[in-house]
């Protein structure tokens, strides 16, 4: 993970954030040792806080990896809640299952192998928390697939909203400021996503400079008031 914060600021935010339990610490160590692109401690704590703030009962993840972000979110759900994990890599999904079980969350989780967007098409909402963390050029497709299943008062969170290994922040900045820069496929995908959620009047969106950037979209209306 390439944080957009200065090293000292990142350390400060991580230290102040809610501490990890032993399983999360093990997952974090695994990700860093293997170079696995997970959201990291401060973003995980933020996801859990958001889930608490919206009194979440159900959550859906586009791209779960080995379950790190799902573990954080699951801790905020009630005993009869649900979180749907999606992952095309069966080995990673099995790791997620093991970690979630060790944390006591296996009963909340549904594990779906295969394409995340195809999976979303088979699940009915409402979902109170949605995390989008798949191929960057598919973010808008993911949002359009799940949009009408997001509860009023729920949130959609998109990771890598500012940078990643394939997202060019300078080009993205130029785009949001009204210029027409050359963009690679991933950067263009993030730009299209941000344009869509910003113009969708049913949602209020802000971008938080945590991790590699979080676009947080709060559903403030159940009326379809998209700006054409």
C-alpha atoms as a PDB file:
ATOM      1  CA  UNK A   1       0.000   0.000   0.000  1.00  0.00           C
ATOM      2  CA  UNK A   2       1.319   3.427  -0.993  1.00  0.00           C
ATOM      3  CA  UNK A   3       0.003   5.844   1.614  1.00  0.00           C
ATOM      4  CA  UNK A   4      -0.677   9.422   0.560  1.00  0.00           C
ATOM      5  CA  UNK A   5       0.120  10.702   4.054  1.00  0.00           C
ATOM      6  CA  UNK A   6       3.571  11.738   5.225  1.00  0.00           C
ATOM      7  CA  UNK A   7       5.238   8.954   7.173  1.00  0.00           C
ATOM      8  CA  UNK A   8       4.978  10.757  10.502  1.00  0.00           C
ATOM      9  CA  UNK A   9       1.318  11.688   9.942  1.00  0.00           C
ATOM     10  CA  UNK A  10       0.516   8.124   8.905  1.00  0.00           C
ATOM     11  CA  UNK A  11       2.165   6.769  12.055  1.00  0.00           C
ATOM     12  CA  UNK A  12       0.203   9.248  14.162  1.00  0.00           C
ATOM     13  CA  UNK A  13      -3.147   8.339  12.585  1.00  0.00           C
ATOM     14  CA  UNK A  14      -2.426   4.618  12.858  1.00  0.00           C
ATOM     15  CA  UNK A  15      -1.406   4.903  16.508  1.00  0.00           C
ATOM     16  CA  UNK A  16      -4.488   6.896  17.501  1.00  0.00           C
ATOM     17  CA  UNK A  17      -6.836   4.564  15.590  1.00  0.00           C
ATOM     18  CA  UNK A  18      -8.515   1.693  17.414  1.00  0.00           C
ATOM     19  CA  UNK A  19      -6.006  -1.049  18.127  1.00  0.00           C
ATOM     20  CA  UNK A  20      -6.065  -4.349  16.280  1.00  0.00           C
ATOM     21  CA  UNK A  21      -6.780  -7.668  17.925  1.00  0.00           C
ATOM     22  CA  UNK A  22      -4.392 -10.573  17.543  1.00  0.00           C
ATOM     23  CA  UNK A  23      -6.002 -11.944  14.387  1.00  0.00           C
ATOM     24  CA  UNK A  24      -5.946  -8.559  12.651  1.00  0.00           C
ATOM     25  CA  UNK A  25      -2.319  -8.062  13.647  1.00  0.00           C
ATOM     26  CA  UNK A  26      -1.509 -11.430  12.098  1.00  0.00           C
ATOM     27  CA  UNK A  27      -3.387 -10.498   8.919  1.00  0.00           C
ATOM     28  CA  UNK A  28      -1.600  -7.166   8.745  1.00  0.00           C
ATOM     29  CA  UNK A  29       1.769  -8.884   9.183  1.00  0.00           C
ATOM     30  CA  UNK A  30       0.909 -11.384   6.439  1.00  0.00           C
ATOM     31  CA  UNK A  31      -0.055  -8.608   4.019  1.00  0.00           C
ATOM     32  CA  UNK A  32       3.121  -6.655   4.630  1.00  0.00           C
ATOM     33  CA  UNK A  33       5.321  -9.756   4.433  1.00  0.00           C
ATOM     34  CA  UNK A  34       3.712 -10.914   1.176  1.00  0.00           C
ATOM     35  CA  UNK A  35       3.341  -7.452  -0.351  1.00  0.00           C
ATOM     36  CA  UNK A  36      -0.419  -7.957  -0.482  1.00  0.00           C
ATOM     37  CA  UNK A  37      -2.292  -4.683  -1.183  1.00  0.00           C
ATOM     38  CA  UNK A  38      -4.654  -4.499   1.802  1.00  0.00           C
ATOM     39  CA  UNK A  39      -6.326  -1.341   3.120  1.00  0.00           C
ATOM     40  CA  UNK A  40      -4.224  -1.142   6.287  1.00  0.00           C
ATOM     41  CA  UNK A  41      -4.935  -0.464   9.938  1.00  0.00           C
ATOM     42  CA  UNK A  42      -6.120   3.155   9.785  1.00  0.00           C
ATOM     43  CA  UNK A  43      -8.488   2.496   6.879  1.00  0.00           C
ATOM     44  CA  UNK A  44      -9.783  -0.685   8.506  1.00  0.00           C
ATOM     45  CA  UNK A  45     -10.555   1.224  11.697  1.00  0.00           C
ATOM     46  CA  UNK A  46     -12.315   3.884   9.624  1.00  0.00           C
ATOM     47  CA  UNK A  47     -14.465   1.275   7.883  1.00  0.00           C
ATOM     48  CA  UNK A  48     -15.500  -0.158  11.230  1.00  0.00           C
ATOM     49  CA  UNK A  49     -16.339   3.300  12.561  1.00  0.00           C
ATOM     50  CA  UNK A  50     -18.436   4.080   9.489  1.00  0.00           C
ATOM     51  CA  UNK A  51     -20.312   0.810   9.932  1.00  0.00           C
ATOM     52  CA  UNK A  52     -21.010   1.736  13.548  1.00  0.00           C
ATOM     53  CA  UNK A  53     -22.100   5.271  12.667  1.00  0.00           C
ATOM     54  CA  UNK A  54     -24.671   4.091  10.128  1.00  0.00           C
ATOM     55  CA  UNK A  55     -25.851   1.311  12.476  1.00  0.00           C
ATOM     56  CA  UNK A  56     -25.054  -1.214   9.769  1.00  0.00           C
ATOM     57  CA  UNK A  57     -26.735  -4.596   9.639  1.00  0.00           C
ATOM     58  CA  UNK A  58     -25.650  -5.752   6.178  1.00  0.00           C
ATOM     59  CA  UNK A  59     -22.515  -5.105   4.174  1.00  0.00           C
ATOM     60  CA  UNK A  60     -21.215  -6.043   0.721  1.00  0.00           C
ATOM     61  CA  UNK A  61     -17.631  -6.046  -0.498  1.00  0.00           C
ATOM     62  CA  UNK A  62     -16.501  -5.871  -4.109  1.00  0.00           C
ATOM     63  CA  UNK A  63     -13.150  -7.612  -3.696  1.00  0.00           C
ATOM     64  CA  UNK A  64     -12.325  -9.070  -0.291  1.00  0.00           C
ATOM     65  CA  UNK A  65      -8.885 -10.596  -0.720  1.00  0.00           C
ATOM     66  CA  UNK A  66      -8.089 -12.632   2.367  1.00  0.00           C
ATOM     67  CA  UNK A  67     -10.719 -10.865   4.471  1.00  0.00           C
ATOM     68  CA  UNK A  68      -8.859  -7.993   6.156  1.00  0.00           C
ATOM     69  CA  UNK A  69     -11.401  -5.233   5.523  1.00  0.00           C
ATOM     70  CA  UNK A  70     -14.325  -7.621   6.051  1.00  0.00           C
ATOM     71  CA  UNK A  71     -12.967  -8.527   9.477  1.00  0.00           C
ATOM     72  CA  UNK A  72     -12.979  -4.859  10.526  1.00  0.00           C
ATOM     73  CA  UNK A  73     -16.511  -4.283   9.226  1.00  0.00           C
ATOM     74  CA  UNK A  74     -17.883  -7.496  10.712  1.00  0.00           C
ATOM     75  CA  UNK A  75     -16.896  -6.331  14.199  1.00  0.00           C
ATOM     76  CA  UNK A  76     -19.487  -3.528  13.897  1.00  0.00           C
ATOM     77  CA  UNK A  77     -22.371  -5.737  12.774  1.00  0.00           C
ATOM     78  CA  UNK A  78     -25.025  -7.198  15.099  1.00  0.00           C
ATOM     79  CA  UNK A  79     -25.189 -10.916  15.796  1.00  0.00           C
ATOM     80  CA  UNK A  80     -27.882 -11.350  13.146  1.00  0.00           C
ATOM     81  CA  UNK A  81     -26.065  -9.178  10.607  1.00  0.00           C
ATOM     82  CA  UNK A  82     -24.447 -10.226   7.344  1.00  0.00           C
ATOM     83  CA  UNK A  83     -21.415  -9.367   5.265  1.00  0.00           C
ATOM     84  CA  UNK A  84     -20.945 -10.698   1.739  1.00  0.00           C
ATOM     85  CA  UNK A  85     -17.315 -11.295   0.779  1.00  0.00           C
ATOM     86  CA  UNK A  86     -16.468 -11.646  -2.923  1.00  0.00           C
ATOM     87  CA  UNK A  87     -13.157 -12.877  -4.295  1.00  0.00           C
ATOM     88  CA  UNK A  88     -12.131 -14.575  -7.529  1.00  0.00           C
ATOM     89  CA  UNK A  89      -9.086 -16.232  -5.934  1.00  0.00           C
ATOM     90  CA  UNK A  90     -10.349 -19.319  -4.108  1.00  0.00           C
ATOM     91  CA  UNK A  91      -7.205 -19.641  -1.985  1.00  0.00           C
ATOM     92  CA  UNK A  92      -7.624 -16.092  -0.680  1.00  0.00           C
ATOM     93  CA  UNK A  93     -11.306 -16.691  -0.035  1.00  0.00           C
ATOM     94  CA  UNK A  94     -10.443 -19.770   1.996  1.00  0.00           C
ATOM     95  CA  UNK A  95      -7.943 -17.701   4.016  1.00  0.00           C
ATOM     96  CA  UNK A  96     -10.713 -15.156   4.615  1.00  0.00           C
ATOM     97  CA  UNK A  97     -12.977 -17.898   5.861  1.00  0.00           C
ATOM     98  CA  UNK A  98     -10.328 -19.109   8.312  1.00  0.00           C
ATOM     99  CA  UNK A  99      -9.525 -15.641   9.644  1.00  0.00           C
ATOM    100  CA  UNK A 100     -13.196 -14.695  10.004  1.00  0.00           C
ATOM    101  CA  UNK A 101     -13.890 -17.931  11.874  1.00  0.00           C
ATOM    102  CA  UNK A 102     -11.017 -17.284  14.252  1.00  0.00           C
ATOM    103  CA  UNK A 103     -12.440 -13.842  14.991  1.00  0.00           C
ATOM    104  CA  UNK A 104     -15.884 -15.271  15.670  1.00  0.00           C
ATOM    105  CA  UNK A 105     -17.425 -13.746  12.544  1.00  0.00           C
ATOM    106  CA  UNK A 106     -17.915 -16.789  10.354  1.00  0.00           C
ATOM    107  CA  UNK A 107     -21.623 -16.872  11.164  1.00  0.00           C
ATOM    108  CA  UNK A 108     -22.034 -13.355   9.748  1.00  0.00           C
ATOM    109  CA  UNK A 109     -20.173 -14.006   6.523  1.00  0.00           C
ATOM    110  CA  UNK A 110     -21.229 -15.244   3.112  1.00  0.00           C
ATOM    111  CA  UNK A 111     -18.313 -16.227   0.908  1.00  0.00           C
ATOM    112  CA  UNK A 112     -18.803 -15.815  -2.831  1.00  0.00           C
ATOM    113  CA  UNK A 113     -16.154 -16.969  -5.287  1.00  0.00           C
ATOM    114  CA  UNK A 114     -16.003 -15.565  -8.807  1.00  0.00           C
ATOM    115  CA  UNK A 115     -16.672 -12.158 -10.310  1.00  0.00           C
ATOM    116  CA  UNK A 116     -17.744  -9.585  -7.710  1.00  0.00           C
ATOM    117  CA  UNK A 117     -20.083  -7.659 -10.008  1.00  0.00           C
ATOM    118  CA  UNK A 118     -21.795 -10.806 -11.226  1.00  0.00           C
ATOM    119  CA  UNK A 119     -22.217 -11.823  -7.592  1.00  0.00           C
ATOM    120  CA  UNK A 120     -23.726  -8.441  -6.695  1.00  0.00           C
ATOM    121  CA  UNK A 121     -26.352  -8.913  -9.388  1.00  0.00           C
ATOM    122  CA  UNK A 122     -27.631 -11.976  -7.504  1.00  0.00           C
ATOM    123  CA  UNK A 123     -27.937 -10.302  -4.087  1.00  0.00           C
ATOM    124  CA  UNK A 124     -30.791  -8.088  -2.961  1.00  0.00           C
ATOM    125  CA  UNK A 125     -30.303  -5.237  -0.533  1.00  0.00           C
ATOM    126  CA  UNK A 126     -30.607  -3.234   1.431  1.00  0.00           C
ATOM    127  CA  UNK A 127     -26.898  -2.943   2.189  1.00  0.00           C
ATOM    128  CA  UNK A 128     -25.786  -0.380   4.743  1.00  0.00           C
ATOM    129  CA  UNK A 129     -22.075  -0.495   3.915  1.00  0.00           C
ATOM    130  CA  UNK A 130     -20.566  -1.235   0.508  1.00  0.00           C
ATOM    131  CA  UNK A 131     -16.826  -1.382  -0.124  1.00  0.00           C
ATOM    132  CA  UNK A 132     -15.503  -1.176  -3.686  1.00  0.00           C
ATOM    133  CA  UNK A 133     -11.950  -2.451  -4.064  1.00  0.00           C
ATOM    134  CA  UNK A 134     -11.681  -4.278  -7.385  1.00  0.00           C
ATOM    135  CA  UNK A 135     -10.172  -3.398 -10.773  1.00  0.00           C
ATOM    136  CA  UNK A 136     -10.195   0.378 -10.990  1.00  0.00           C
ATOM    137  CA  UNK A 137     -11.736   0.470 -14.464  1.00  0.00           C
ATOM    138  CA  UNK A 138     -14.764  -1.410 -13.064  1.00  0.00           C
ATOM    139  CA  UNK A 139     -15.568   0.890 -10.131  1.00  0.00           C
ATOM    140  CA  UNK A 140     -18.380   2.675 -11.948  1.00  0.00           C
ATOM    141  CA  UNK A 141     -19.887  -0.626 -13.078  1.00  0.00           C
ATOM    142  CA  UNK A 142     -19.780  -1.855  -9.481  1.00  0.00           C
ATOM    143  CA  UNK A 143     -21.492   1.293  -8.219  1.00  0.00           C
ATOM    144  CA  UNK A 144     -24.201   1.127 -10.867  1.00  0.00           C
ATOM    145  CA  UNK A 145     -24.833  -2.528 -10.014  1.00  0.00           C
ATOM    146  CA  UNK A 146     -25.246  -1.929  -6.261  1.00  0.00           C
ATOM    147  CA  UNK A 147     -26.579   1.651  -6.211  1.00  0.00           C
ATOM    148  CA  UNK A 148     -30.251   0.839  -5.831  1.00  0.00           C
ATOM    149  CA  UNK A 149     -29.514  -1.730  -3.114  1.00  0.00           C
ATOM    150  CA  UNK A 150     -27.844   0.822  -0.797  1.00  0.00           C
ATOM    151  CA  UNK A 151     -30.063   1.795   2.115  1.00  0.00           C
ATOM    152  CA  UNK A 152     -30.962   5.397   2.815  1.00  0.00           C
ATOM    153  CA  UNK A 153     -28.461   6.417   5.463  1.00  0.00           C
ATOM    154  CA  UNK A 154     -25.960   3.847   4.172  1.00  0.00           C
ATOM    155  CA  UNK A 155     -22.500   4.427   2.708  1.00  0.00           C
ATOM    156  CA  UNK A 156     -20.516   3.331  -0.319  1.00  0.00           C
ATOM    157  CA  UNK A 157     -16.749   3.453   0.216  1.00  0.00           C
ATOM    158  CA  UNK A 158     -14.318   3.254  -2.695  1.00  0.00           C
ATOM    159  CA  UNK A 159     -10.685   2.491  -1.932  1.00  0.00           C
ATOM    160  CA  UNK A 160      -7.796   3.853  -4.069  1.00  0.00           C
ATOM    161  CA  UNK A 161      -9.755   7.030  -4.772  1.00  0.00           C
ATOM    162  CA  UNK A 162      -6.542   9.062  -4.991  1.00  0.00           C
ATOM    163  CA  UNK A 163      -3.715   6.705  -5.833  1.00  0.00           C
ATOM    164  CA  UNK A 164      -2.519   3.112  -6.145  1.00  0.00           C
ATOM    165  CA  UNK A 165       0.166   1.337  -8.115  1.00  0.00           C
ATOM    166  CA  UNK A 166      -1.793   2.049 -11.301  1.00  0.00           C
ATOM    167  CA  UNK A 167      -3.604   5.310 -10.463  1.00  0.00           C
ATOM    168  CA  UNK A 168      -1.828   8.549 -11.399  1.00  0.00           C
ATOM    169  CA  UNK A 169      -2.755  11.158  -8.784  1.00  0.00           C
ATOM    170  CA  UNK A 170      -1.456  14.132 -10.791  1.00  0.00           C
ATOM    171  CA  UNK A 171      -3.613  13.166 -13.772  1.00  0.00           C
ATOM    172  CA  UNK A 172      -6.569  12.549 -11.487  1.00  0.00           C
ATOM    173  CA  UNK A 173      -6.122  15.948  -9.860  1.00  0.00           C
ATOM    174  CA  UNK A 174      -5.976  17.626 -13.253  1.00  0.00           C
ATOM    175  CA  UNK A 175      -9.190  15.873 -14.249  1.00  0.00           C
ATOM    176  CA  UNK A 176     -11.183  16.888 -11.164  1.00  0.00           C
ATOM    177  CA  UNK A 177      -9.977  20.464 -11.649  1.00  0.00           C
ATOM    178  CA  UNK A 178     -11.512  20.518 -15.109  1.00  0.00           C
ATOM    179  CA  UNK A 179      -8.538  19.732 -17.322  1.00  0.00           C
ATOM    180  CA  UNK A 180      -8.335  16.955 -19.903  1.00  0.00           C
ATOM    181  CA  UNK A 181      -5.161  15.008 -19.088  1.00  0.00           C
ATOM    182  CA  UNK A 182      -4.000  11.762 -20.619  1.00  0.00           C
ATOM    183  CA  UNK A 183      -5.007   8.963 -18.246  1.00  0.00           C
ATOM    184  CA  UNK A 184      -4.316   5.274 -18.139  1.00  0.00           C
ATOM    185  CA  UNK A 185      -7.220   2.833 -17.797  1.00  0.00           C
ATOM    186  CA  UNK A 186      -7.113   2.655 -14.000  1.00  0.00           C
ATOM    187  CA  UNK A 187      -6.919   6.420 -13.513  1.00  0.00           C
ATOM    188  CA  UNK A 188      -9.718   6.934 -16.017  1.00  0.00           C
ATOM    189  CA  UNK A 189     -11.829   4.399 -14.136  1.00  0.00           C
ATOM    190  CA  UNK A 190     -11.395   6.267 -10.846  1.00  0.00           C
ATOM    191  CA  UNK A 191     -12.126   9.574 -12.582  1.00  0.00           C
ATOM    192  CA  UNK A 192     -15.357   8.210 -14.070  1.00  0.00           C
ATOM    193  CA  UNK A 193     -16.394   6.832 -10.705  1.00  0.00           C
ATOM    194  CA  UNK A 194     -15.776  10.115  -8.885  1.00  0.00           C
ATOM    195  CA  UNK A 195     -17.668  12.039 -11.562  1.00  0.00           C
ATOM    196  CA  UNK A 196     -20.636   9.678 -11.203  1.00  0.00           C
ATOM    197  CA  UNK A 197     -20.941   9.752  -7.415  1.00  0.00           C
ATOM    198  CA  UNK A 198     -20.368  13.503  -7.307  1.00  0.00           C
ATOM    199  CA  UNK A 199     -23.184  14.072  -9.826  1.00  0.00           C
ATOM    200  CA  UNK A 200     -25.582  11.606  -8.190  1.00  0.00           C
ATOM    201  CA  UNK A 201     -27.741  13.833  -6.014  1.00  0.00           C
ATOM    202  CA  UNK A 202     -29.003  10.912  -3.949  1.00  0.00           C
ATOM    203  CA  UNK A 203     -25.483  10.666  -2.508  1.00  0.00           C
ATOM    204  CA  UNK A 204     -23.198  13.096  -0.726  1.00  0.00           C
ATOM    205  CA  UNK A 205     -19.543  12.308  -1.422  1.00  0.00           C
ATOM    206  CA  UNK A 206     -16.263  13.350   0.158  1.00  0.00           C
ATOM    207  CA  UNK A 207     -12.763  11.995  -0.373  1.00  0.00           C
ATOM    208  CA  UNK A 208     -10.698  11.313   2.716  1.00  0.00           C
ATOM    209  CA  UNK A 209      -6.881  11.282   2.458  1.00  0.00           C
ATOM    210  CA  UNK A 210      -6.409   8.016   4.322  1.00  0.00           C
ATOM    211  CA  UNK A 211      -4.473   5.052   2.983  1.00  0.00           C
ATOM    212  CA  UNK A 212      -4.592   5.501  -0.778  1.00  0.00           C
ATOM    213  CA  UNK A 213      -7.700   7.676  -0.629  1.00  0.00           C
ATOM    214  CA  UNK A 214     -11.268   6.798   0.373  1.00  0.00           C
ATOM    215  CA  UNK A 215     -14.276   8.149  -1.507  1.00  0.00           C
ATOM    216  CA  UNK A 216     -17.142   7.986   1.003  1.00  0.00           C
ATOM    217  CA  UNK A 217     -20.634   8.393  -0.476  1.00  0.00           C
ATOM    218  CA  UNK A 218     -23.533   8.722   1.966  1.00  0.00           C
ATOM    219  CA  UNK A 219     -26.984   7.851   0.643  1.00  0.00           C
ATOM    220  CA  UNK A 220     -29.154  10.764   1.701  1.00  0.00           C
ATOM    221  CA  UNK A 221     -32.238   9.993  -0.398  1.00  0.00           C
ATOM    222  CA  UNK A 222     -34.080   6.960  -1.717  1.00  0.00           C
ATOM    223  CA  UNK A 223     -35.317   8.997  -4.679  1.00  0.00           C
ATOM    224  CA  UNK A 224     -33.572   8.600  -8.026  1.00  0.00           C
ATOM    225  CA  UNK A 225     -32.303  12.166  -8.434  1.00  0.00           C
ATOM    226  CA  UNK A 226     -29.243  11.587 -10.569  1.00  0.00           C
ATOM    227  CA  UNK A 227     -28.018  14.718 -12.336  1.00  0.00           C
ATOM    228  CA  UNK A 228     -28.325  14.130 -16.098  1.00  0.00           C
END
